[in-house]
Protein backbone atom coordinates (compact mmCIF):
# COMPACT_ATOMS: atom_id res chain seq x y z
CA MET A 1 91.20 -31.65 30.72
CA GLY A 2 91.75 -27.90 30.97
CA LEU A 3 94.02 -25.26 29.44
CA GLY A 4 92.72 -25.79 25.91
CA TRP A 5 94.43 -29.13 25.23
CA THR A 6 92.88 -31.67 22.84
CA ILE A 7 93.88 -35.24 23.70
CA VAL A 8 95.03 -37.01 20.52
CA HIS A 9 96.02 -40.32 22.15
CA GLN A 10 95.69 -41.79 25.63
CA ALA A 11 96.83 -45.11 27.12
CA ARG A 12 96.35 -46.50 30.62
CA GLN A 13 96.44 -50.03 31.99
CA LYS A 14 96.99 -52.10 35.12
CA HIS A 15 100.52 -53.14 36.02
CA TYR A 16 101.57 -56.23 38.02
CA ASP A 17 101.39 -54.20 41.28
CA ASP A 18 97.60 -53.81 40.71
CA ARG A 19 97.98 -50.07 40.11
CA TYR A 20 97.03 -48.33 36.89
CA TYR A 21 99.61 -46.29 34.99
CA GLY A 22 99.12 -44.19 31.89
CA GLN A 23 99.95 -41.25 29.70
CA PHE A 24 98.44 -38.92 27.11
CA LEU A 25 99.44 -36.98 24.02
CA GLY A 26 97.75 -33.64 23.38
CA THR A 27 97.91 -30.52 21.27
CA ARG A 28 96.65 -26.95 21.20
CA LYS A 29 97.29 -23.79 19.23
CA GLY A 30 100.41 -22.12 20.64
CA LYS A 31 101.02 -18.43 21.22
CA THR A 32 102.83 -18.06 17.89
CA GLY A 33 100.05 -19.77 15.91
CA THR A 34 101.85 -23.09 15.54
CA ALA A 35 100.54 -26.29 17.11
CA GLU A 36 102.05 -26.92 20.53
CA TRP A 37 102.21 -30.54 21.71
CA ILE A 38 102.30 -32.07 25.18
CA VAL A 39 103.36 -35.50 26.44
CA GLY A 40 101.94 -36.10 29.89
CA ARG A 41 102.11 -38.84 32.48
CA MET A 42 98.95 -39.57 34.43
CA TYR A 43 98.86 -40.21 38.14
CA PRO A 44 99.09 -43.87 39.17
CA GLY A 45 95.74 -45.00 40.51
CA LYS A 46 93.25 -47.71 41.30
CA SER A 47 91.27 -47.55 38.04
CA LYS A 48 91.41 -46.46 34.40
CA ASP A 49 89.52 -43.31 35.31
CA ASP A 50 91.60 -41.75 38.09
CA GLY A 51 94.67 -40.65 36.13
CA PHE A 52 93.72 -36.96 36.24
CA ARG A 53 93.05 -34.98 39.43
CA ASP A 54 90.93 -31.89 38.93
CA GLY A 55 92.01 -31.91 35.29
CA GLU A 56 95.70 -32.01 36.19
CA TRP A 57 98.36 -34.67 35.57
CA ALA A 58 101.50 -35.92 37.28
CA TYR A 59 104.18 -34.77 34.80
CA SER A 60 104.45 -33.33 31.30
CA LYS A 61 106.86 -32.19 28.64
CA HIS A 62 105.98 -29.51 26.08
CA PHE A 63 107.02 -29.11 22.44
CA ASP A 64 106.38 -25.60 21.16
CA GLY A 65 109.01 -24.81 18.53
CA PRO A 66 108.31 -22.73 15.40
CA ARG A 67 107.17 -25.68 13.21
CA SER A 68 104.07 -27.67 14.14
CA THR A 69 105.15 -30.89 12.41
CA ASP A 70 108.53 -30.87 14.16
CA ASN A 71 106.70 -30.42 17.47
CA ALA A 72 104.43 -33.39 16.73
CA ASP A 73 107.31 -35.60 15.60
CA ALA A 74 109.36 -34.78 18.72
CA ALA A 75 106.32 -35.38 20.92
CA LEU A 76 105.70 -38.76 19.29
CA LYS A 77 109.28 -39.82 20.02
CA ALA A 78 109.01 -38.72 23.65
CA TYR A 79 105.59 -40.36 23.98
CA VAL A 80 106.95 -43.71 22.81
CA GLU A 81 109.89 -43.40 25.21
CA MET A 82 107.51 -42.65 28.08
CA SER A 83 105.36 -45.68 27.23
CA HIS A 84 108.09 -47.99 28.56
CA LYS A 85 107.96 -46.23 31.95
CA THR A 86 104.17 -46.26 32.19
CA PHE A 87 103.97 -49.92 31.09
CA VAL A 88 101.63 -49.27 28.13
CA TRP A 89 104.08 -50.03 25.31
CA ASP A 90 103.51 -52.87 22.84
CA ARG A 91 104.93 -53.75 19.41
CA ILE A 92 102.52 -51.55 17.46
CA PHE A 93 102.28 -48.69 19.96
CA GLU A 94 104.18 -46.17 17.79
CA GLN A 95 102.15 -47.13 14.73
CA ARG A 96 98.84 -46.59 16.53
CA VAL A 97 99.94 -43.23 17.91
CA GLY A 98 101.15 -42.10 14.48
CA GLU A 99 97.76 -43.04 13.06
CA ALA A 100 96.04 -41.03 15.80
CA ILE A 101 98.15 -37.96 14.94
CA ASP A 102 97.37 -38.34 11.23
CA ARG A 103 93.67 -38.73 12.02
CA HIS A 104 93.79 -35.53 14.08
CA TRP A 105 95.58 -33.67 11.28
CA SER A 106 93.08 -34.80 8.64
CA GLY A 107 90.32 -32.94 10.48
CA PRO A 108 86.58 -33.61 10.70
CA GLU A 109 84.65 -34.80 7.69
CA ALA A 110 82.77 -32.15 5.72
CA PRO A 111 79.53 -33.56 4.24
CA ASP A 112 79.77 -31.53 1.01
CA ALA A 113 83.49 -32.19 0.36
CA PRO A 114 84.50 -34.07 -2.81
CA LYS A 115 85.57 -37.69 -2.83
CA LEU A 116 89.23 -38.15 -3.76
CA ALA A 117 91.72 -40.96 -4.16
CA THR A 118 95.15 -40.76 -2.63
CA GLY A 119 98.43 -42.36 -3.58
CA TRP A 120 102.20 -42.30 -3.79
CA GLN A 121 104.89 -43.59 -6.11
CA GLU A 122 108.65 -43.56 -6.37
CA SER A 123 109.44 -40.56 -8.58
CA ASP A 124 112.43 -42.03 -10.44
CA ALA A 125 111.17 -42.72 -13.95
CA GLY A 126 114.09 -45.13 -14.48
CA HIS A 127 112.41 -47.76 -12.32
CA ARG A 128 110.64 -50.32 -14.45
CA ASN A 129 108.26 -51.18 -11.60
CA PRO A 130 108.40 -48.30 -9.10
CA ALA A 131 107.01 -48.96 -5.63
CA ARG A 132 103.63 -47.34 -5.13
CA GLY A 133 100.33 -47.44 -3.30
CA HIS A 134 96.89 -45.89 -3.76
CA THR A 135 93.33 -45.96 -2.51
CA ILE A 136 89.88 -45.96 -4.07
CA LEU A 137 87.83 -42.75 -4.03
CA LEU A 138 87.23 -41.85 -0.39
CA PRO A 139 85.42 -39.12 1.54
CA PHE A 140 87.69 -36.07 1.43
CA HIS A 141 89.05 -36.06 4.96
CA GLU A 142 89.46 -39.83 4.89
CA ALA A 143 91.59 -39.39 1.76
CA LYS A 144 93.65 -36.75 3.57
CA TYR A 145 94.18 -39.19 6.44
CA TYR A 146 95.45 -41.88 4.08
CA LEU A 147 97.81 -39.45 2.35
CA LEU A 148 99.24 -38.45 5.74
CA HIS A 149 99.55 -42.16 6.51
CA PHE A 150 101.41 -42.74 3.23
CA LEU A 151 103.76 -39.85 4.06
CA ARG A 152 104.53 -41.37 7.45
CA SER A 153 104.89 -44.99 6.32
CA THR A 154 107.07 -44.22 3.27
CA GLU A 155 109.25 -41.54 4.88
CA LEU A 156 112.30 -43.79 5.20
CA GLY A 157 112.14 -44.85 1.54
CA ALA A 158 111.61 -41.26 0.36
CA LYS A 159 115.14 -40.42 1.60
CA ALA A 160 114.15 -36.77 1.84
CA HIS A 161 117.47 -35.82 3.44
CA LEU A 162 119.12 -36.46 0.05
CA THR A 163 116.88 -33.93 -1.72
CA LYS A 164 117.13 -31.05 0.76
CA GLY A 165 116.39 -27.83 -1.08
CA VAL A 166 115.14 -29.72 -4.15
CA THR A 167 111.73 -30.92 -2.94
CA ILE A 168 109.59 -29.74 -0.08
CA ASP A 169 110.37 -31.09 3.39
CA ARG A 170 108.14 -33.11 5.72
CA HIS A 171 106.73 -30.05 7.48
CA GLN A 172 105.79 -28.45 4.16
CA ALA A 173 104.30 -31.72 2.90
CA VAL A 174 102.08 -32.10 5.97
CA LYS A 175 100.99 -28.45 5.68
CA LEU A 176 100.07 -29.00 2.01
CA VAL A 177 97.89 -31.98 2.91
CA THR A 178 96.19 -30.44 5.93
CA ALA A 179 95.46 -27.21 4.05
CA ALA A 180 94.21 -28.97 0.88
CA THR A 181 90.66 -28.23 -0.27
CA GLY A 182 90.88 -30.31 -3.45
CA PRO A 183 93.31 -32.33 -5.58
CA ILE A 184 97.04 -31.79 -4.98
CA ARG A 185 100.27 -33.40 -6.20
CA PHE A 186 103.78 -32.87 -4.84
CA GLU A 187 107.27 -34.30 -4.61
CA TYR A 188 108.72 -35.20 -1.22
CA GLY A 189 112.17 -36.70 -1.32
CA TYR A 190 112.31 -39.40 -4.00
CA ASN A 191 108.54 -39.94 -3.94
CA THR A 192 105.47 -38.31 -5.50
CA TYR A 193 102.24 -38.03 -3.49
CA TRP A 194 98.76 -36.97 -4.54
CA LEU A 195 95.08 -36.44 -3.87
CA ALA A 196 93.16 -36.89 -7.15
CA ALA A 197 89.60 -36.94 -8.43
CA GLU A 198 90.31 -40.25 -10.21
CA VAL A 199 91.97 -43.45 -9.04
CA ASP A 200 95.51 -43.68 -10.43
CA VAL A 201 96.04 -47.32 -11.35
């Protein structure tokens, strides 16, 4: 696939008419330095491997606003919507694509990076048993992946829209995680998230 795109997720399967339909989600560094995202529909074909023609695709929509996370979130929404038209949707489609985005954001593993644990907890100290989750010590970029996963899976409960201007927002939270080179701790909405050198039990 040309033009500098990295495919983050791809889905293609046979429909009842014996033709294959599919789509892809990709990203690249945009002209302004932010991550640009693309949602593309492949050409219908006779196999899983004929969706691209000379590296090109049938249709695409681009997301290249000033904030990379907003671009990715908008692309994910459009990608899920497209999945109904390309017949690749299933009940966990959005979850799998979100995991693929988080895996992309966490980056490649560095062999000399420290092992860290990741976790989250409701920040309100008034809760007797606040909701929380954490991992064991993991290879650094695996820990980053799980923290991004926690951010995504707890976003609704964090109710970040109620703390606008008080805590960082989702875009800033994702940037903190992706840029991390060691332990971090931050508030996002009503939750606290961290990467730590020790397991917080």
